[in-house]
Amino acid sequence: MRITLSPMLGDFQRLADALAAFARQQSLPERQHYRMRLAAEELFANLVEHADLSAGDRITVQACDLSGLVRLVVTDTAAPFDPTRCDTCPRTSPVEPGGVGLCVLRSISDRLDYRRVDDTNETTVVIMRTERDDD
């Protein structure tokens, strides 16, 4: 699966629909599908909310199923940002939402990698199928 999105919240539903179709096509267990969707949504939301992207910029999300694990690759042309190096999970207020997305991403990912290729950020997330996923 590959989808190219505008950095606008209006494309959020397109991402969710593409991931749901991918999960159905690959017969992913519900728990693995949930973790994959949450990881992709957290990365997308982080880019929309915090990156300095214009409406003409694009975010690409790719997903593939590799024998029991799902690999997500999210690419964008925002300023360099490595989500694997964010050490803290700030909480500005117990009432206000936000501030924990990258912590959630790290907690649900079996592997999280980042690299900068020319002018592009490439974040890779691996979500493995577990025995609990098959319940």
C-alpha atoms as a PDB file:
ATOM      1  CA  MET A   1       0.000   0.000   0.000  1.00  0.00           C
ATOM      2  CA  ARG A   2       1.219   3.474  -0.823  1.00  0.00           C
ATOM      3  CA  ILE A   3      -0.674   6.702  -0.324  1.00  0.00           C
ATOM      4  CA  THR A   4       0.411  10.293  -0.816  1.00  0.00           C
ATOM      5  CA  LEU A   5      -1.253  12.856   1.428  1.00  0.00           C
ATOM      6  CA  SER A   6      -1.404  16.606   1.852  1.00  0.00           C
ATOM      7  CA  PRO A   7      -0.210  17.814   5.261  1.00  0.00           C
ATOM      8  CA  MET A   8      -3.759  18.714   6.281  1.00  0.00           C
ATOM      9  CA  LEU A   9      -6.099  17.083   8.784  1.00  0.00           C
ATOM     10  CA  GLY A  10      -8.602  16.661   5.953  1.00  0.00           C
ATOM     11  CA  ASP A  11      -6.447  13.805   4.606  1.00  0.00           C
ATOM     12  CA  PHE A  12      -6.593  11.968   7.929  1.00  0.00           C
ATOM     13  CA  GLN A  13      -9.629   9.916   6.843  1.00  0.00           C
ATOM     14  CA  ARG A  14      -7.972   8.966   3.540  1.00  0.00           C
ATOM     15  CA  LEU A  15      -5.060   7.549   5.536  1.00  0.00           C
ATOM     16  CA  ALA A  16      -7.363   5.611   7.878  1.00  0.00           C
ATOM     17  CA  ASP A  17      -9.339   4.187   4.929  1.00  0.00           C
ATOM     18  CA  ALA A  18      -6.176   3.118   3.059  1.00  0.00           C
ATOM     19  CA  LEU A  19      -4.797   1.401   6.167  1.00  0.00           C
ATOM     20  CA  ALA A  20      -8.109  -0.380   6.791  1.00  0.00           C
ATOM     21  CA  ALA A  21      -8.160  -1.648   3.199  1.00  0.00           C
ATOM     22  CA  PHE A  22      -4.544  -2.820   3.531  1.00  0.00           C
ATOM     23  CA  ALA A  23      -5.350  -4.643   6.782  1.00  0.00           C
ATOM     24  CA  ARG A  24      -8.304  -6.413   5.145  1.00  0.00           C
ATOM     25  CA  GLN A  25      -6.262  -7.382   2.061  1.00  0.00           C
ATOM     26  CA  GLN A  26      -3.465  -8.780   4.234  1.00  0.00           C
ATOM     27  CA  SER A  27      -5.833 -10.394   6.770  1.00  0.00           C
ATOM     28  CA  LEU A  28      -4.045  -8.649   9.619  1.00  0.00           C
ATOM     29  CA  PRO A  29      -5.201  -9.486  13.128  1.00  0.00           C
ATOM     30  CA  GLU A  30      -7.218  -6.650  14.663  1.00  0.00           C
ATOM     31  CA  ARG A  31      -4.584  -5.871  17.296  1.00  0.00           C
ATOM     32  CA  GLN A  32      -1.797  -5.600  14.711  1.00  0.00           C
ATOM     33  CA  HIS A  33      -4.032  -3.452  12.489  1.00  0.00           C
ATOM     34  CA  TYR A  34      -4.786  -1.166  15.455  1.00  0.00           C
ATOM     35  CA  ARG A  35      -1.084  -0.709  16.292  1.00  0.00           C
ATOM     36  CA  MET A  36      -0.219  -0.068  12.627  1.00  0.00           C
ATOM     37  CA  ARG A  37      -3.017   2.483  12.263  1.00  0.00           C
ATOM     38  CA  LEU A  38      -2.118   4.234  15.507  1.00  0.00           C
ATOM     39  CA  ALA A  39       1.555   4.490  14.517  1.00  0.00           C
ATOM     40  CA  ALA A  40       0.714   5.939  11.091  1.00  0.00           C
ATOM     41  CA  GLU A  41      -1.834   8.345  12.550  1.00  0.00           C
ATOM     42  CA  GLU A  42       0.580   9.577  15.230  1.00  0.00           C
ATOM     43  CA  LEU A  43       3.300  10.250  12.667  1.00  0.00           C
ATOM     44  CA  PHE A  44       0.864  11.961  10.295  1.00  0.00           C
ATOM     45  CA  ALA A  45      -0.698  14.086  13.056  1.00  0.00           C
ATOM     46  CA  ASN A  46       2.747  15.095  14.312  1.00  0.00           C
ATOM     47  CA  LEU A  47       3.705  16.279  10.829  1.00  0.00           C
ATOM     48  CA  VAL A  48       0.440  18.162  10.326  1.00  0.00           C
ATOM     49  CA  GLU A  49       0.603  19.862  13.722  1.00  0.00           C
ATOM     50  CA  HIS A  50       4.328  20.549  14.122  1.00  0.00           C
ATOM     51  CA  ALA A  51       6.182  20.439  10.807  1.00  0.00           C
ATOM     52  CA  ASP A  52       6.484  23.527   8.690  1.00  0.00           C
ATOM     53  CA  LEU A  53       4.829  21.992   5.632  1.00  0.00           C
ATOM     54  CA  SER A  54       2.679  23.893   3.149  1.00  0.00           C
ATOM     55  CA  ALA A  55      -0.426  22.628   1.369  1.00  0.00           C
ATOM     56  CA  GLY A  56       1.739  21.869  -1.688  1.00  0.00           C
ATOM     57  CA  ASP A  57       4.047  19.550   0.269  1.00  0.00           C
ATOM     58  CA  ARG A  58       3.355  15.834   0.449  1.00  0.00           C
ATOM     59  CA  ILE A  59       3.557  13.072   3.045  1.00  0.00           C
ATOM     60  CA  THR A  60       3.881   9.528   1.737  1.00  0.00           C
ATOM     61  CA  VAL A  61       2.891   6.476   3.774  1.00  0.00           C
ATOM     62  CA  GLN A  62       3.828   3.001   2.597  1.00  0.00           C
ATOM     63  CA  ALA A  63       2.873  -0.254   4.280  1.00  0.00           C
ATOM     64  CA  CYS A  64       3.887  -3.799   3.488  1.00  0.00           C
ATOM     65  CA  ASP A  65       3.292  -7.118   5.193  1.00  0.00           C
ATOM     66  CA  LEU A  66       6.458  -9.175   5.491  1.00  0.00           C
ATOM     67  CA  SER A  67       5.662 -12.625   6.882  1.00  0.00           C
ATOM     68  CA  GLY A  68       3.998 -11.615  10.102  1.00  0.00           C
ATOM     69  CA  LEU A  69       5.318  -8.113  10.482  1.00  0.00           C
ATOM     70  CA  VAL A  70       4.103  -4.855   9.043  1.00  0.00           C
ATOM     71  CA  ARG A  71       6.602  -2.240   7.964  1.00  0.00           C
ATOM     72  CA  LEU A  72       5.402   1.355   7.673  1.00  0.00           C
ATOM     73  CA  VAL A  73       7.578   3.940   5.975  1.00  0.00           C
ATOM     74  CA  VAL A  74       6.551   7.582   6.267  1.00  0.00           C
ATOM     75  CA  THR A  75       8.414  10.150   4.198  1.00  0.00           C
ATOM     76  CA  ASP A  76       8.154  13.929   4.192  1.00  0.00           C
ATOM     77  CA  THR A  77      10.153  16.996   3.202  1.00  0.00           C
ATOM     78  CA  ALA A  78       9.870  18.885   6.482  1.00  0.00           C
ATOM     79  CA  ALA A  79      12.907  20.062   8.423  1.00  0.00           C
ATOM     80  CA  PRO A  80      14.964  17.170   9.809  1.00  0.00           C
ATOM     81  CA  PHE A  81      13.286  15.592  12.827  1.00  0.00           C
ATOM     82  CA  ASP A  82      14.272  12.262  14.341  1.00  0.00           C
ATOM     83  CA  PRO A  83      11.416  10.825  16.438  1.00  0.00           C
ATOM     84  CA  THR A  84      13.756   8.185  17.866  1.00  0.00           C
ATOM     85  CA  ARG A  85      15.752  10.897  19.677  1.00  0.00           C
ATOM     86  CA  CYS A  86      12.900  12.543  21.539  1.00  0.00           C
ATOM     87  CA  ASP A  87      13.708  11.514  25.119  1.00  0.00           C
ATOM     88  CA  THR A  88      10.865  12.964  27.096  1.00  0.00           C
ATOM     89  CA  CYS A  89       7.124  12.714  27.047  1.00  0.00           C
ATOM     90  CA  PRO A  90       6.099  16.220  28.038  1.00  0.00           C
ATOM     91  CA  ARG A  91       2.661  16.722  29.465  1.00  0.00           C
ATOM     92  CA  THR A  92       1.722  20.364  29.447  1.00  0.00           C
ATOM     93  CA  SER A  93      -1.571  19.880  31.196  1.00  0.00           C
ATOM     94  CA  PRO A  94      -3.617  16.909  32.375  1.00  0.00           C
ATOM     95  CA  VAL A  95      -6.631  18.542  30.696  1.00  0.00           C
ATOM     96  CA  GLU A  96      -5.162  19.545  27.326  1.00  0.00           C
ATOM     97  CA  PRO A  97      -4.649  16.829  24.718  1.00  0.00           C
ATOM     98  CA  GLY A  98      -1.307  16.329  23.035  1.00  0.00           C
ATOM     99  CA  GLY A  99       2.290  15.950  24.003  1.00  0.00           C
ATOM    100  CA  VAL A 100       2.450  12.169  24.182  1.00  0.00           C
ATOM    101  CA  GLY A 101       2.155  11.076  20.540  1.00  0.00           C
ATOM    102  CA  LEU A 102       5.809  10.154  20.083  1.00  0.00           C
ATOM    103  CA  CYS A 103       5.800   8.252  23.380  1.00  0.00           C
ATOM    104  CA  VAL A 104       2.770   6.302  22.186  1.00  0.00           C
ATOM    105  CA  LEU A 105       4.529   5.669  18.877  1.00  0.00           C
ATOM    106  CA  ARG A 106       7.603   4.283  20.621  1.00  0.00           C
ATOM    107  CA  SER A 107       5.546   2.122  22.969  1.00  0.00           C
ATOM    108  CA  ILE A 108       3.543   0.405  20.202  1.00  0.00           C
ATOM    109  CA  SER A 109       6.442  -0.024  17.756  1.00  0.00           C
ATOM    110  CA  ASP A 110       8.601  -3.108  17.778  1.00  0.00           C
ATOM    111  CA  ARG A 111      11.183  -1.106  15.889  1.00  0.00           C
ATOM    112  CA  LEU A 112      11.429   2.586  15.086  1.00  0.00           C
ATOM    113  CA  ASP A 113      14.104   3.920  12.736  1.00  0.00           C
ATOM    114  CA  TYR A 114      14.826   7.287  11.190  1.00  0.00           C
ATOM    115  CA  ARG A 115      17.123   8.503   8.477  1.00  0.00           C
ATOM    116  CA  ARG A 116      17.510  11.644   6.429  1.00  0.00           C
ATOM    117  CA  VAL A 117      17.935  11.011   2.708  1.00  0.00           C
ATOM    118  CA  ASP A 118      18.844  14.181   0.804  1.00  0.00           C
ATOM    119  CA  ASP A 119      15.990  16.563   1.724  1.00  0.00           C
ATOM    120  CA  THR A 120      13.604  13.868   2.931  1.00  0.00           C
ATOM    121  CA  ASN A 121      12.795  12.452   6.362  1.00  0.00           C
ATOM    122  CA  GLU A 122      12.186   8.713   6.332  1.00  0.00           C
ATOM    123  CA  THR A 123      10.670   7.157   9.438  1.00  0.00           C
ATOM    124  CA  THR A 124      10.232   3.383   9.512  1.00  0.00           C
ATOM    125  CA  VAL A 125       8.015   1.586  12.007  1.00  0.00           C
ATOM    126  CA  VAL A 126       7.863  -2.191  12.398  1.00  0.00           C
ATOM    127  CA  ILE A 127       4.815  -3.804  13.992  1.00  0.00           C
ATOM    128  CA  MET A 128       5.236  -7.537  14.590  1.00  0.00           C
ATOM    129  CA  ARG A 129       2.419 -10.024  14.891  1.00  0.00           C
ATOM    130  CA  THR A 130       2.332 -11.546  18.360  1.00  0.00           C
ATOM    131  CA  GLU A 131       0.514 -14.540  19.767  1.00  0.00           C
ATOM    132  CA  ARG A 132      -1.862 -12.104  21.463  1.00  0.00           C
ATOM    133  CA  ASP A 133      -2.773 -10.736  18.008  1.00  0.00           C
ATOM    134  CA  ASP A 134      -4.193 -14.111  16.999  1.00  0.00           C
ATOM    135  CA  ASP A 135      -6.577 -14.327  19.979  1.00  0.00           C
END
